Amino acid sequence: MKPLVSVITPSFNQAPFLEAAMMSVLNQKYPAIEYIVVDGGSTDGSQEIIKSYADQLTWWVSEPDQGQADAINKGFKKAKGEIIAWLNSDDLYLPWTIHDAVQAFSKNPEAGMVYGDAVSADGTGRLLNELRFESWGVEDLLQFKVICQPAVFMKRSVVEKVGYLDSSYHFFLDHQLWIRLARTTNLFHQPRIWAVSRYHAEAKNVTMASQSGKEVYRILDWAETQPDLSAILEENHHQIWAGAYQIIARYLLDGEMPQKAFHTYLKATRTWLPSIKGYWHRFLFSGLSILGMGFLGKWYYSLKKQRRPVIHNEEELTDWVGIQLN
């Protein structure tokens, strides 16, 4: 008997993307899925979209909530699946995603969380960059090696053991949960593309970039209060703080604050010089932007975009909703 997989989609006023996200779950090549949609009281037509698929949903609701984490936690509490995940209303699964995730758990029964790779896409569904990861543990996560959230699946029993999402986080709510999971279970990485992470003008990492840094510091402050994590922080102080600075700088640059980004990248480099190999191009771009030569960086990135990512089994994506292959 195939294990039941519960997928939760939190939704709030993202009608232009919502239907594609929902269809990417409902059209999965895996038979045992319960799908839950938790809408925060949208007023942009999202409720009508959800209602049109209501007969294919296990449960849905539209009511005010306390934000993304609160919405996802509502779904977690309703979920009955052995495996659980959430897909934001502007992201996408690929046709084989859930099947692959179940297979990964089957082949790695000791894992409490599995994750794949991903690609980013713009608001029109045009593919931009590959998002490749490695097999990481607690120490890596504390260095803010970030996993693409829609490519993550978890055992419900393990999530219930460590606790649901901390609803006081709004940017790194997923990363803080991954750290808590990695303390108690094995994480397994499958090097195949499982998800599309949408990057668009309304995304919170763009519109609220300057606020995300506070949560990076909050996670490290929280980790200091945990004896096991505090020991890792002490032993890897320079690497962890360099990782914290570089992820803050990345969001500042995405939020079009190159001067703040440059100085934060500089902090990362001064803290642990080897870290620069992971962000030198962004560091350079932020410096060029300050000097009024940001057009050089934009030209470089425009060249990269002309060579879009190639996804395995791409022939299966010809009619996959939300993606532009041409």
C-alpha atoms as a PDB file:
ATOM      1  CA  MET A   1       0.000   0.000   0.000  1.00  0.00           C
ATOM      2  CA  LYS A   2       1.398   3.383  -1.015  1.00  0.00           C
ATOM      3  CA  PRO A   3       1.906   5.877   1.831  1.00  0.00           C
ATOM      4  CA  LEU A   4      -0.477   8.825   1.936  1.00  0.00           C
ATOM      5  CA  VAL A   5       1.157  12.189   1.200  1.00  0.00           C
ATOM      6  CA  SER A   6      -0.431  15.354   2.593  1.00  0.00           C
ATOM      7  CA  VAL A   7       0.281  18.619   0.788  1.00  0.00           C
ATOM      8  CA  ILE A   8      -0.770  21.972   2.228  1.00  0.00           C
ATOM      9  CA  THR A   9      -0.961  25.175   0.194  1.00  0.00           C
ATOM     10  CA  PRO A  10      -1.142  28.426   2.178  1.00  0.00           C
ATOM     11  CA  SER A  11      -2.811  31.111   0.099  1.00  0.00           C
ATOM     12  CA  PHE A  12      -3.323  34.835   0.372  1.00  0.00           C
ATOM     13  CA  ASN A  13      -4.068  37.175  -2.532  1.00  0.00           C
ATOM     14  CA  GLN A  14      -1.933  35.405  -5.145  1.00  0.00           C
ATOM     15  CA  ALA A  15      -4.666  34.594  -7.646  1.00  0.00           C
ATOM     16  CA  PRO A  16      -2.390  34.995 -10.716  1.00  0.00           C
ATOM     17  CA  PHE A  17      -0.301  32.005  -9.556  1.00  0.00           C
ATOM     18  CA  LEU A  18      -2.649  29.974  -7.365  1.00  0.00           C
ATOM     19  CA  GLU A  19      -4.362  27.823  -9.982  1.00  0.00           C
ATOM     20  CA  ALA A  20      -1.062  26.683 -11.512  1.00  0.00           C
ATOM     21  CA  ALA A  21       0.253  25.741  -8.067  1.00  0.00           C
ATOM     22  CA  MET A  22      -2.886  23.754  -7.287  1.00  0.00           C
ATOM     23  CA  MET A  23      -2.887  21.967 -10.628  1.00  0.00           C
ATOM     24  CA  SER A  24       0.759  20.995 -10.144  1.00  0.00           C
ATOM     25  CA  VAL A  25      -0.361  19.072  -7.035  1.00  0.00           C
ATOM     26  CA  LEU A  26      -3.595  17.658  -8.434  1.00  0.00           C
ATOM     27  CA  ASN A  27      -1.899  16.380 -11.603  1.00  0.00           C
ATOM     28  CA  GLN A  28       0.876  14.498  -9.807  1.00  0.00           C
ATOM     29  CA  LYS A  29       1.849  11.015 -10.997  1.00  0.00           C
ATOM     30  CA  TYR A  30       1.153   9.570  -7.577  1.00  0.00           C
ATOM     31  CA  PRO A  31      -2.234   8.217  -6.485  1.00  0.00           C
ATOM     32  CA  ALA A  32      -2.295   8.660  -2.700  1.00  0.00           C
ATOM     33  CA  ILE A  33      -2.433  12.406  -2.056  1.00  0.00           C
ATOM     34  CA  GLU A  34      -4.605  14.455   0.249  1.00  0.00           C
ATOM     35  CA  TYR A  35      -4.574  18.113  -0.667  1.00  0.00           C
ATOM     36  CA  ILE A  36      -5.369  20.884   1.800  1.00  0.00           C
ATOM     37  CA  VAL A  37      -5.619  24.587   0.935  1.00  0.00           C
ATOM     38  CA  VAL A  38      -5.598  27.190   3.703  1.00  0.00           C
ATOM     39  CA  ASP A  39      -6.520  30.654   2.464  1.00  0.00           C
ATOM     40  CA  GLY A  40      -6.110  33.714   4.664  1.00  0.00           C
ATOM     41  CA  GLY A  41      -9.313  35.439   3.524  1.00  0.00           C
ATOM     42  CA  SER A  42      -8.185  36.541   0.054  1.00  0.00           C
ATOM     43  CA  THR A  43     -10.117  39.257  -1.766  1.00  0.00           C
ATOM     44  CA  ASP A  44      -8.515  38.944  -5.214  1.00  0.00           C
ATOM     45  CA  GLY A  45     -10.461  35.997  -6.637  1.00  0.00           C
ATOM     46  CA  SER A  46      -8.390  33.286  -4.941  1.00  0.00           C
ATOM     47  CA  GLN A  47     -11.428  31.929  -3.096  1.00  0.00           C
ATOM     48  CA  GLU A  48     -13.267  31.406  -6.374  1.00  0.00           C
ATOM     49  CA  ILE A  49     -10.294  29.486  -7.777  1.00  0.00           C
ATOM     50  CA  ILE A  50     -10.177  27.258  -4.689  1.00  0.00           C
ATOM     51  CA  LYS A  51     -13.928  26.613  -4.842  1.00  0.00           C
ATOM     52  CA  SER A  52     -13.644  25.487  -8.466  1.00  0.00           C
ATOM     53  CA  TYR A  53     -11.377  22.634  -7.316  1.00  0.00           C
ATOM     54  CA  ALA A  54     -13.169  21.952  -4.010  1.00  0.00           C
ATOM     55  CA  ASP A  55     -14.288  18.459  -5.038  1.00  0.00           C
ATOM     56  CA  GLN A  56     -10.624  17.453  -5.423  1.00  0.00           C
ATOM     57  CA  LEU A  57      -9.538  18.852  -2.060  1.00  0.00           C
ATOM     58  CA  THR A  58      -9.518  16.953   1.221  1.00  0.00           C
ATOM     59  CA  TRP A  59     -10.176  20.167   3.154  1.00  0.00           C
ATOM     60  CA  TRP A  60      -9.996  23.883   2.580  1.00  0.00           C
ATOM     61  CA  VAL A  61     -10.809  27.048   4.448  1.00  0.00           C
ATOM     62  CA  SER A  62     -10.724  30.780   3.823  1.00  0.00           C
ATOM     63  CA  GLU A  63     -10.477  32.893   6.959  1.00  0.00           C
ATOM     64  CA  PRO A  64      -8.120  35.488   8.480  1.00  0.00           C
ATOM     65  CA  ASP A  65      -4.971  34.014   9.995  1.00  0.00           C
ATOM     66  CA  GLN A  66      -1.728  35.146  11.617  1.00  0.00           C
ATOM     67  CA  GLY A  67       0.403  34.695   8.511  1.00  0.00           C
ATOM     68  CA  GLN A  68       2.008  31.959   6.445  1.00  0.00           C
ATOM     69  CA  ALA A  69       3.252  29.781   9.312  1.00  0.00           C
ATOM     70  CA  ASP A  70      -0.119  29.890  11.034  1.00  0.00           C
ATOM     71  CA  ALA A  71      -1.854  28.841   7.810  1.00  0.00           C
ATOM     72  CA  ILE A  72       0.555  25.949   7.219  1.00  0.00           C
ATOM     73  CA  ASN A  73       0.223  24.778  10.816  1.00  0.00           C
ATOM     74  CA  LYS A  74      -3.564  24.652  10.383  1.00  0.00           C
ATOM     75  CA  GLY A  75      -3.010  22.347   7.457  1.00  0.00           C
ATOM     76  CA  PHE A  76      -0.483  20.208   9.352  1.00  0.00           C
ATOM     77  CA  LYS A  77      -3.018  19.668  12.120  1.00  0.00           C
ATOM     78  CA  LYS A  78      -5.588  18.434   9.573  1.00  0.00           C
ATOM     79  CA  ALA A  79      -3.106  16.235   7.696  1.00  0.00           C
ATOM     80  CA  LYS A  80      -3.360  12.440   7.959  1.00  0.00           C
ATOM     81  CA  GLY A  81      -0.498  11.533   5.615  1.00  0.00           C
ATOM     82  CA  GLU A  82       2.591   9.638   6.675  1.00  0.00           C
ATOM     83  CA  ILE A  83       4.518  12.194   4.594  1.00  0.00           C
ATOM     84  CA  ILE A  84       3.750  15.928   4.656  1.00  0.00           C
ATOM     85  CA  ALA A  85       4.872  18.992   2.722  1.00  0.00           C
ATOM     86  CA  TRP A  86       3.694  22.432   1.813  1.00  0.00           C
ATOM     87  CA  LEU A  87       3.671  24.183  -1.541  1.00  0.00           C
ATOM     88  CA  ASN A  88       3.262  27.942  -1.527  1.00  0.00           C
ATOM     89  CA  SER A  89       0.647  29.399  -3.828  1.00  0.00           C
ATOM     90  CA  ASP A  90       3.223  30.839  -6.248  1.00  0.00           C
ATOM     91  CA  ASP A  91       5.455  27.736  -6.547  1.00  0.00           C
ATOM     92  CA  LEU A  92       5.121  24.513  -8.550  1.00  0.00           C
ATOM     93  CA  TYR A  93       5.781  20.809  -8.316  1.00  0.00           C
ATOM     94  CA  LEU A  94       6.975  18.911 -11.373  1.00  0.00           C
ATOM     95  CA  PRO A  95       5.012  15.838 -12.555  1.00  0.00           C
ATOM     96  CA  TRP A  96       7.274  13.315 -10.822  1.00  0.00           C
ATOM     97  CA  THR A  97       7.940  15.218  -7.591  1.00  0.00           C
ATOM     98  CA  ILE A  98       5.789  13.361  -5.078  1.00  0.00           C
ATOM     99  CA  HIS A  99       6.527   9.954  -6.617  1.00  0.00           C
ATOM    100  CA  ASP A 100      10.259  10.668  -6.323  1.00  0.00           C
ATOM    101  CA  ALA A 101       9.910  11.889  -2.722  1.00  0.00           C
ATOM    102  CA  VAL A 102       8.088   8.716  -1.683  1.00  0.00           C
ATOM    103  CA  GLN A 103      10.760   6.615  -3.391  1.00  0.00           C
ATOM    104  CA  ALA A 104      13.474   8.564  -1.557  1.00  0.00           C
ATOM    105  CA  PHE A 105      11.856   7.765   1.802  1.00  0.00           C
ATOM    106  CA  SER A 106      11.446   4.108   0.804  1.00  0.00           C
ATOM    107  CA  LYS A 107      15.141   3.780  -0.055  1.00  0.00           C
ATOM    108  CA  ASN A 108      16.243   5.785   3.006  1.00  0.00           C
ATOM    109  CA  PRO A 109      13.914   4.704   5.835  1.00  0.00           C
ATOM    110  CA  GLU A 110      16.133   6.359   8.460  1.00  0.00           C
ATOM    111  CA  ALA A 111      15.475   9.803   6.934  1.00  0.00           C
ATOM    112  CA  GLY A 112      12.876  12.074   8.476  1.00  0.00           C
ATOM    113  CA  MET A 113      13.195  14.661   5.725  1.00  0.00           C
ATOM    114  CA  VAL A 114      14.082  14.390   2.045  1.00  0.00           C
ATOM    115  CA  TYR A 115      14.706  17.196  -0.403  1.00  0.00           C
ATOM    116  CA  GLY A 116      15.505  17.605  -4.058  1.00  0.00           C
ATOM    117  CA  ASP A 117      16.863  20.372  -6.250  1.00  0.00           C
ATOM    118  CA  ALA A 118      14.830  23.128  -7.859  1.00  0.00           C
ATOM    119  CA  VAL A 119      14.746  25.812 -10.524  1.00  0.00           C
ATOM    120  CA  SER A 120      13.675  29.418 -10.178  1.00  0.00           C
ATOM    121  CA  ALA A 121      11.200  31.062 -12.526  1.00  0.00           C
ATOM    122  CA  ASP A 122       9.876  34.550 -13.075  1.00  0.00           C
ATOM    123  CA  GLY A 123       6.248  35.617 -12.859  1.00  0.00           C
ATOM    124  CA  THR A 124       5.520  34.341 -16.373  1.00  0.00           C
ATOM    125  CA  GLY A 125       6.949  30.881 -15.714  1.00  0.00           C
ATOM    126  CA  ARG A 126      10.181  31.441 -17.645  1.00  0.00           C
ATOM    127  CA  LEU A 127      12.916  29.322 -16.072  1.00  0.00           C
ATOM    128  CA  LEU A 128      15.875  31.298 -14.705  1.00  0.00           C
ATOM    129  CA  ASN A 129      18.432  29.378 -12.620  1.00  0.00           C
ATOM    130  CA  GLU A 130      19.174  25.939 -11.272  1.00  0.00           C
ATOM    131  CA  LEU A 131      19.087  25.691  -7.474  1.00  0.00           C
ATOM    132  CA  ARG A 132      21.383  22.812  -6.594  1.00  0.00           C
ATOM    133  CA  PHE A 133      22.002  21.554  -3.075  1.00  0.00           C
ATOM    134  CA  GLU A 134      24.043  18.935  -1.249  1.00  0.00           C
ATOM    135  CA  SER A 135      23.570  16.558   1.656  1.00  0.00           C
ATOM    136  CA  TRP A 136      23.543  18.872   4.649  1.00  0.00           C
ATOM    137  CA  GLY A 137      23.198  18.548   8.415  1.00  0.00           C
ATOM    138  CA  VAL A 138      22.817  20.823  11.422  1.00  0.00           C
ATOM    139  CA  GLU A 139      26.205  22.490  11.062  1.00  0.00           C
ATOM    140  CA  ASP A 140      25.524  23.362   7.414  1.00  0.00           C
ATOM    141  CA  LEU A 141      22.065  24.722   8.165  1.00  0.00           C
ATOM    142  CA  LEU A 142      23.452  26.906  10.946  1.00  0.00           C
ATOM    143  CA  GLN A 143      25.756  28.376   8.285  1.00  0.00           C
ATOM    144  CA  PHE A 144      22.575  29.290   6.375  1.00  0.00           C
ATOM    145  CA  LYS A 145      23.045  26.886   3.527  1.00  0.00           C
ATOM    146  CA  VAL A 146      19.472  27.288   2.411  1.00  0.00           C
ATOM    147  CA  ILE A 147      17.301  24.491   0.991  1.00  0.00           C
ATOM    148  CA  CYS A 148      14.561  25.430  -1.474  1.00  0.00           C
ATOM    149  CA  GLN A 149      11.391  24.893   0.564  1.00  0.00           C
ATOM    150  CA  PRO A 150       9.021  23.509  -2.131  1.00  0.00           C
ATOM    151  CA  ALA A 151      11.517  20.692  -2.762  1.00  0.00           C
ATOM    152  CA  VAL A 152      11.184  19.415   0.842  1.00  0.00           C
ATOM    153  CA  PHE A 153       9.095  16.509   2.178  1.00  0.00           C
ATOM    154  CA  MET A 154       8.946  15.343   5.802  1.00  0.00           C
ATOM    155  CA  LYS A 155       7.640  12.469   7.880  1.00  0.00           C
ATOM    156  CA  ARG A 156       4.630  13.717   9.822  1.00  0.00           C
ATOM    157  CA  SER A 157       5.684  11.781  12.940  1.00  0.00           C
ATOM    158  CA  VAL A 158       9.040  13.599  13.039  1.00  0.00           C
ATOM    159  CA  VAL A 159       7.462  17.032  12.531  1.00  0.00           C
ATOM    160  CA  GLU A 160       5.000  16.346  15.332  1.00  0.00           C
ATOM    161  CA  LYS A 161       7.906  15.315  17.554  1.00  0.00           C
ATOM    162  CA  VAL A 162       9.902  18.540  17.063  1.00  0.00           C
ATOM    163  CA  GLY A 163       6.842  20.798  16.791  1.00  0.00           C
ATOM    164  CA  TYR A 164       5.237  22.659  13.925  1.00  0.00           C
ATOM    165  CA  LEU A 165       6.435  25.906  12.388  1.00  0.00           C
ATOM    166  CA  ASP A 166       7.199  28.745  14.775  1.00  0.00           C
ATOM    167  CA  SER A 167       4.573  31.296  13.728  1.00  0.00           C
ATOM    168  CA  SER A 168       6.693  34.212  14.958  1.00  0.00           C
ATOM    169  CA  TYR A 169       8.953  33.749  11.903  1.00  0.00           C
ATOM    170  CA  HIS A 170       7.910  35.144   8.529  1.00  0.00           C
ATOM    171  CA  PHE A 171      10.998  34.737   6.327  1.00  0.00           C
ATOM    172  CA  PHE A 172      13.071  31.860   7.715  1.00  0.00           C
ATOM    173  CA  LEU A 173      10.204  29.852   9.197  1.00  0.00           C
ATOM    174  CA  ASP A 174      11.185  26.897   7.018  1.00  0.00           C
ATOM    175  CA  HIS A 175      14.912  27.095   7.766  1.00  0.00           C
ATOM    176  CA  GLN A 176      14.338  27.171  11.505  1.00  0.00           C
ATOM    177  CA  LEU A 177      12.199  24.032  11.179  1.00  0.00           C
ATOM    178  CA  TRP A 178      14.895  22.289   9.108  1.00  0.00           C
ATOM    179  CA  ILE A 179      17.411  22.964  11.898  1.00  0.00           C
ATOM    180  CA  ARG A 180      15.071  21.469  14.483  1.00  0.00           C
ATOM    181  CA  LEU A 181      14.482  18.419  12.298  1.00  0.00           C
ATOM    182  CA  ALA A 182      18.196  17.931  11.598  1.00  0.00           C
ATOM    183  CA  ARG A 183      18.846  17.719  15.353  1.00  0.00           C
ATOM    184  CA  THR A 184      16.688  14.596  15.642  1.00  0.00           C
ATOM    185  CA  THR A 185      16.647  12.860  12.253  1.00  0.00           C
ATOM    186  CA  ASN A 186      18.639  12.277   9.079  1.00  0.00           C
ATOM    187  CA  LEU A 187      18.140  14.527   6.062  1.00  0.00           C
ATOM    188  CA  PHE A 188      18.475  12.977   2.604  1.00  0.00           C
ATOM    189  CA  HIS A 189      19.186  14.917  -0.591  1.00  0.00           C
ATOM    190  CA  GLN A 190      18.035  13.578  -3.962  1.00  0.00           C
ATOM    191  CA  PRO A 191      19.924  15.363  -6.782  1.00  0.00           C
ATOM    192  CA  ARG A 192      16.921  15.709  -9.095  1.00  0.00           C
ATOM    193  CA  ILE A 193      14.809  18.782  -9.794  1.00  0.00           C
ATOM    194  CA  TRP A 194      11.550  18.533  -7.888  1.00  0.00           C
ATOM    195  CA  ALA A 195      10.178  22.060  -7.745  1.00  0.00           C
ATOM    196  CA  VAL A 196       9.899  25.485  -9.336  1.00  0.00           C
ATOM    197  CA  SER A 197      10.414  28.421  -6.985  1.00  0.00           C
ATOM    198  CA  ARG A 198       8.754  31.530  -8.304  1.00  0.00           C
ATOM    199  CA  TYR A 199      10.619  34.846  -8.137  1.00  0.00           C
ATOM    200  CA  HIS A 200       8.437  37.861  -8.896  1.00  0.00           C
ATOM    201  CA  ALA A 201       7.935  41.486  -7.908  1.00  0.00           C
ATOM    202  CA  GLU A 202       5.367  40.668  -5.195  1.00  0.00           C
ATOM    203  CA  ALA A 203       7.453  37.940  -3.532  1.00  0.00           C
ATOM    204  CA  LYS A 204       8.207  38.702   0.106  1.00  0.00           C
ATOM    205  CA  ASN A 205      11.958  38.227  -0.338  1.00  0.00           C
ATOM    206  CA  VAL A 206      11.802  41.200  -2.721  1.00  0.00           C
ATOM    207  CA  THR A 207       9.211  43.443  -1.078  1.00  0.00           C
ATOM    208  CA  MET A 208      10.424  42.945   2.514  1.00  0.00           C
ATOM    209  CA  ALA A 209      14.114  42.118   2.012  1.00  0.00           C
ATOM    210  CA  SER A 210      15.372  44.574   4.613  1.00  0.00           C
ATOM    211  CA  GLN A 211      13.401  42.802   7.352  1.00  0.00           C
ATOM    212  CA  SER A 212      14.698  39.294   6.675  1.00  0.00           C
ATOM    213  CA  GLY A 213      18.063  39.948   8.361  1.00  0.00           C
ATOM    214  CA  LYS A 214      16.420  40.306  11.759  1.00  0.00           C
ATOM    215  CA  GLU A 215      15.264  36.705  11.567  1.00  0.00           C
ATOM    216  CA  VAL A 216      18.756  35.466  10.722  1.00  0.00           C
ATOM    217  CA  TYR A 217      19.976  37.028  13.964  1.00  0.00           C
ATOM    218  CA  ARG A 218      16.945  35.634  15.802  1.00  0.00           C
ATOM    219  CA  ILE A 219      17.767  32.095  14.692  1.00  0.00           C
ATOM    220  CA  LEU A 220      21.336  32.442  15.961  1.00  0.00           C
ATOM    221  CA  ASP A 221      20.108  33.950  19.230  1.00  0.00           C
ATOM    222  CA  TRP A 222      17.714  31.004  19.614  1.00  0.00           C
ATOM    223  CA  ALA A 223      20.479  28.518  18.770  1.00  0.00           C
ATOM    224  CA  GLU A 224      22.624  30.009  21.556  1.00  0.00           C
ATOM    225  CA  THR A 225      19.941  28.947  24.054  1.00  0.00           C
ATOM    226  CA  GLN A 226      20.091  25.300  22.899  1.00  0.00           C
ATOM    227  CA  PRO A 227      23.052  23.461  24.466  1.00  0.00           C
ATOM    228  CA  ASP A 228      23.692  21.191  21.476  1.00  0.00           C
ATOM    229  CA  LEU A 229      23.457  24.032  18.954  1.00  0.00           C
ATOM    230  CA  SER A 230      25.418  26.428  21.133  1.00  0.00           C
ATOM    231  CA  ALA A 231      28.344  24.002  21.111  1.00  0.00           C
ATOM    232  CA  ILE A 232      28.275  23.922  17.301  1.00  0.00           C
ATOM    233  CA  LEU A 233      28.136  27.724  17.188  1.00  0.00           C
ATOM    234  CA  GLU A 234      31.163  28.001  19.420  1.00  0.00           C
ATOM    235  CA  GLU A 235      33.176  25.470  17.414  1.00  0.00           C
ATOM    236  CA  ASN A 236      32.268  26.970  14.016  1.00  0.00           C
ATOM    237  CA  HIS A 237      31.849  30.613  14.991  1.00  0.00           C
ATOM    238  CA  HIS A 238      33.501  32.197  11.945  1.00  0.00           C
ATOM    239  CA  GLN A 239      31.887  29.957   9.332  1.00  0.00           C
ATOM    240  CA  ILE A 240      28.421  30.367  10.846  1.00  0.00           C
ATOM    241  CA  TRP A 241      28.585  34.155  11.135  1.00  0.00           C
ATOM    242  CA  ALA A 242      29.995  34.457   7.611  1.00  0.00           C
ATOM    243  CA  GLY A 243      27.055  32.377   6.403  1.00  0.00           C
ATOM    244  CA  ALA A 244      24.631  34.601   8.291  1.00  0.00           C
ATOM    245  CA  TYR A 245      26.084  37.782   6.793  1.00  0.00           C
ATOM    246  CA  GLN A 246      26.111  36.435   3.242  1.00  0.00           C
ATOM    247  CA  ILE A 247      22.451  35.333   3.327  1.00  0.00           C
ATOM    248  CA  ILE A 248      21.431  38.745   4.704  1.00  0.00           C
ATOM    249  CA  ALA A 249      23.450  40.436   1.951  1.00  0.00           C
ATOM    250  CA  ARG A 250      21.799  38.249  -0.673  1.00  0.00           C
ATOM    251  CA  TYR A 251      18.330  39.383   0.362  1.00  0.00           C
ATOM    252  CA  LEU A 252      19.446  43.001   0.532  1.00  0.00           C
ATOM    253  CA  LEU A 253      20.744  42.747  -3.022  1.00  0.00           C
ATOM    254  CA  ASP A 254      17.524  41.086  -4.185  1.00  0.00           C
ATOM    255  CA  GLY A 255      15.683  43.950  -2.524  1.00  0.00           C
ATOM    256  CA  GLU A 256      17.728  46.455  -4.575  1.00  0.00           C
ATOM    257  CA  MET A 257      19.808  47.769  -1.679  1.00  0.00           C
ATOM    258  CA  PRO A 258      23.301  47.260  -3.158  1.00  0.00           C
ATOM    259  CA  GLN A 259      25.162  49.554  -0.752  1.00  0.00           C
ATOM    260  CA  LYS A 260      23.894  47.698   2.324  1.00  0.00           C
ATOM    261  CA  ALA A 261      24.484  44.410   0.530  1.00  0.00           C
ATOM    262  CA  PHE A 262      28.089  45.326  -0.302  1.00  0.00           C
ATOM    263  CA  HIS A 263      28.960  46.226   3.285  1.00  0.00           C
ATOM    264  CA  THR A 264      27.308  43.040   4.556  1.00  0.00           C
ATOM    265  CA  TYR A 265      29.211  40.902   2.036  1.00  0.00           C
ATOM    266  CA  LEU A 266      32.348  42.671   3.245  1.00  0.00           C
ATOM    267  CA  LYS A 267      31.498  41.590   6.804  1.00  0.00           C
ATOM    268  CA  ALA A 268      31.110  38.008   5.633  1.00  0.00           C
ATOM    269  CA  THR A 269      34.492  38.087   3.884  1.00  0.00           C
ATOM    270  CA  ARG A 270      36.254  39.589   6.880  1.00  0.00           C
ATOM    271  CA  THR A 271      34.650  37.026   9.174  1.00  0.00           C
ATOM    272  CA  TRP A 272      35.718  33.983   7.131  1.00  0.00           C
ATOM    273  CA  LEU A 273      37.608  34.604   3.905  1.00  0.00           C
ATOM    274  CA  PRO A 274      36.961  31.171   2.276  1.00  0.00           C
ATOM    275  CA  SER A 275      33.231  31.951   2.252  1.00  0.00           C
ATOM    276  CA  ILE A 276      33.732  34.403  -0.626  1.00  0.00           C
ATOM    277  CA  LYS A 277      33.845  31.577  -3.169  1.00  0.00           C
ATOM    278  CA  GLY A 278      30.097  31.142  -2.709  1.00  0.00           C
ATOM    279  CA  TYR A 279      29.079  34.728  -3.364  1.00  0.00           C
ATOM    280  CA  TRP A 280      31.930  36.559  -5.123  1.00  0.00           C
ATOM    281  CA  HIS A 281      29.783  37.370  -8.163  1.00  0.00           C
ATOM    282  CA  ARG A 282      27.054  38.924  -6.013  1.00  0.00           C
ATOM    283  CA  PHE A 283      29.662  40.788  -3.985  1.00  0.00           C
ATOM    284  CA  LEU A 284      31.095  42.175  -7.229  1.00  0.00           C
ATOM    285  CA  PHE A 285      27.657  43.077  -8.565  1.00  0.00           C
ATOM    286  CA  SER A 286      26.804  45.017  -5.400  1.00  0.00           C
ATOM    287  CA  GLY A 287      30.087  46.954  -5.674  1.00  0.00           C
ATOM    288  CA  LEU A 288      29.538  47.751  -9.351  1.00  0.00           C
ATOM    289  CA  SER A 289      26.021  48.958  -8.563  1.00  0.00           C
ATOM    290  CA  ILE A 290      27.349  51.405  -5.972  1.00  0.00           C
ATOM    291  CA  LEU A 291      29.773  52.788  -8.581  1.00  0.00           C
ATOM    292  CA  GLY A 292      26.974  53.254 -11.092  1.00  0.00           C
ATOM    293  CA  MET A 293      28.100  50.280 -13.182  1.00  0.00           C
ATOM    294  CA  GLY A 294      25.379  47.889 -12.180  1.00  0.00           C
ATOM    295  CA  PHE A 295      24.497  47.596 -15.857  1.00  0.00           C
ATOM    296  CA  LEU A 296      27.544  45.320 -16.255  1.00  0.00           C
ATOM    297  CA  GLY A 297      26.151  42.900 -13.738  1.00  0.00           C
ATOM    298  CA  LYS A 298      22.708  43.061 -15.303  1.00  0.00           C
ATOM    299  CA  TRP A 299      24.292  42.337 -18.691  1.00  0.00           C
ATOM    300  CA  TYR A 300      26.029  39.279 -17.218  1.00  0.00           C
ATOM    301  CA  TYR A 301      22.818  37.991 -15.666  1.00  0.00           C
ATOM    302  CA  SER A 302      20.894  38.643 -18.888  1.00  0.00           C
ATOM    303  CA  LEU A 303      23.395  36.416 -20.720  1.00  0.00           C
ATOM    304  CA  LYS A 304      22.866  33.699 -18.116  1.00  0.00           C
ATOM    305  CA  LYS A 305      19.100  33.908 -18.564  1.00  0.00           C
ATOM    306  CA  GLN A 306      19.475  33.204 -22.267  1.00  0.00           C
ATOM    307  CA  ARG A 307      20.725  29.754 -21.289  1.00  0.00           C
ATOM    308  CA  ARG A 308      17.773  28.519 -19.294  1.00  0.00           C
ATOM    309  CA  PRO A 309      18.078  25.458 -17.038  1.00  0.00           C
ATOM    310  CA  VAL A 310      17.522  22.076 -18.660  1.00  0.00           C
ATOM    311  CA  ILE A 311      15.349  19.751 -16.604  1.00  0.00           C
ATOM    312  CA  HIS A 312      15.551  15.966 -16.776  1.00  0.00           C
ATOM    313  CA  ASN A 313      12.501  14.331 -18.410  1.00  0.00           C
ATOM    314  CA  GLU A 314      11.731  17.675 -20.001  1.00  0.00           C
ATOM    315  CA  GLU A 315       9.460  16.036 -22.562  1.00  0.00           C
ATOM    316  CA  GLU A 316       6.974  15.528 -19.727  1.00  0.00           C
ATOM    317  CA  LEU A 317       6.758  19.292 -19.161  1.00  0.00           C
ATOM    318  CA  THR A 318       5.438  20.300 -22.587  1.00  0.00           C
ATOM    319  CA  ASP A 319       1.935  20.997 -21.256  1.00  0.00           C
ATOM    320  CA  TRP A 320       2.794  21.405 -17.575  1.00  0.00           C
ATOM    321  CA  VAL A 321       0.946  24.437 -16.251  1.00  0.00           C
ATOM    322  CA  GLY A 322       2.936  27.453 -15.072  1.00  0.00           C
ATOM    323  CA  ILE A 323       6.138  26.737 -17.007  1.00  0.00           C
ATOM    324  CA  GLN A 324       7.450  28.309 -20.208  1.00  0.00           C
ATOM    325  CA  LEU A 325       9.995  26.145 -21.992  1.00  0.00           C
ATOM    326  CA  ASN A 326      10.425  28.320 -25.109  1.00  0.00           C
END
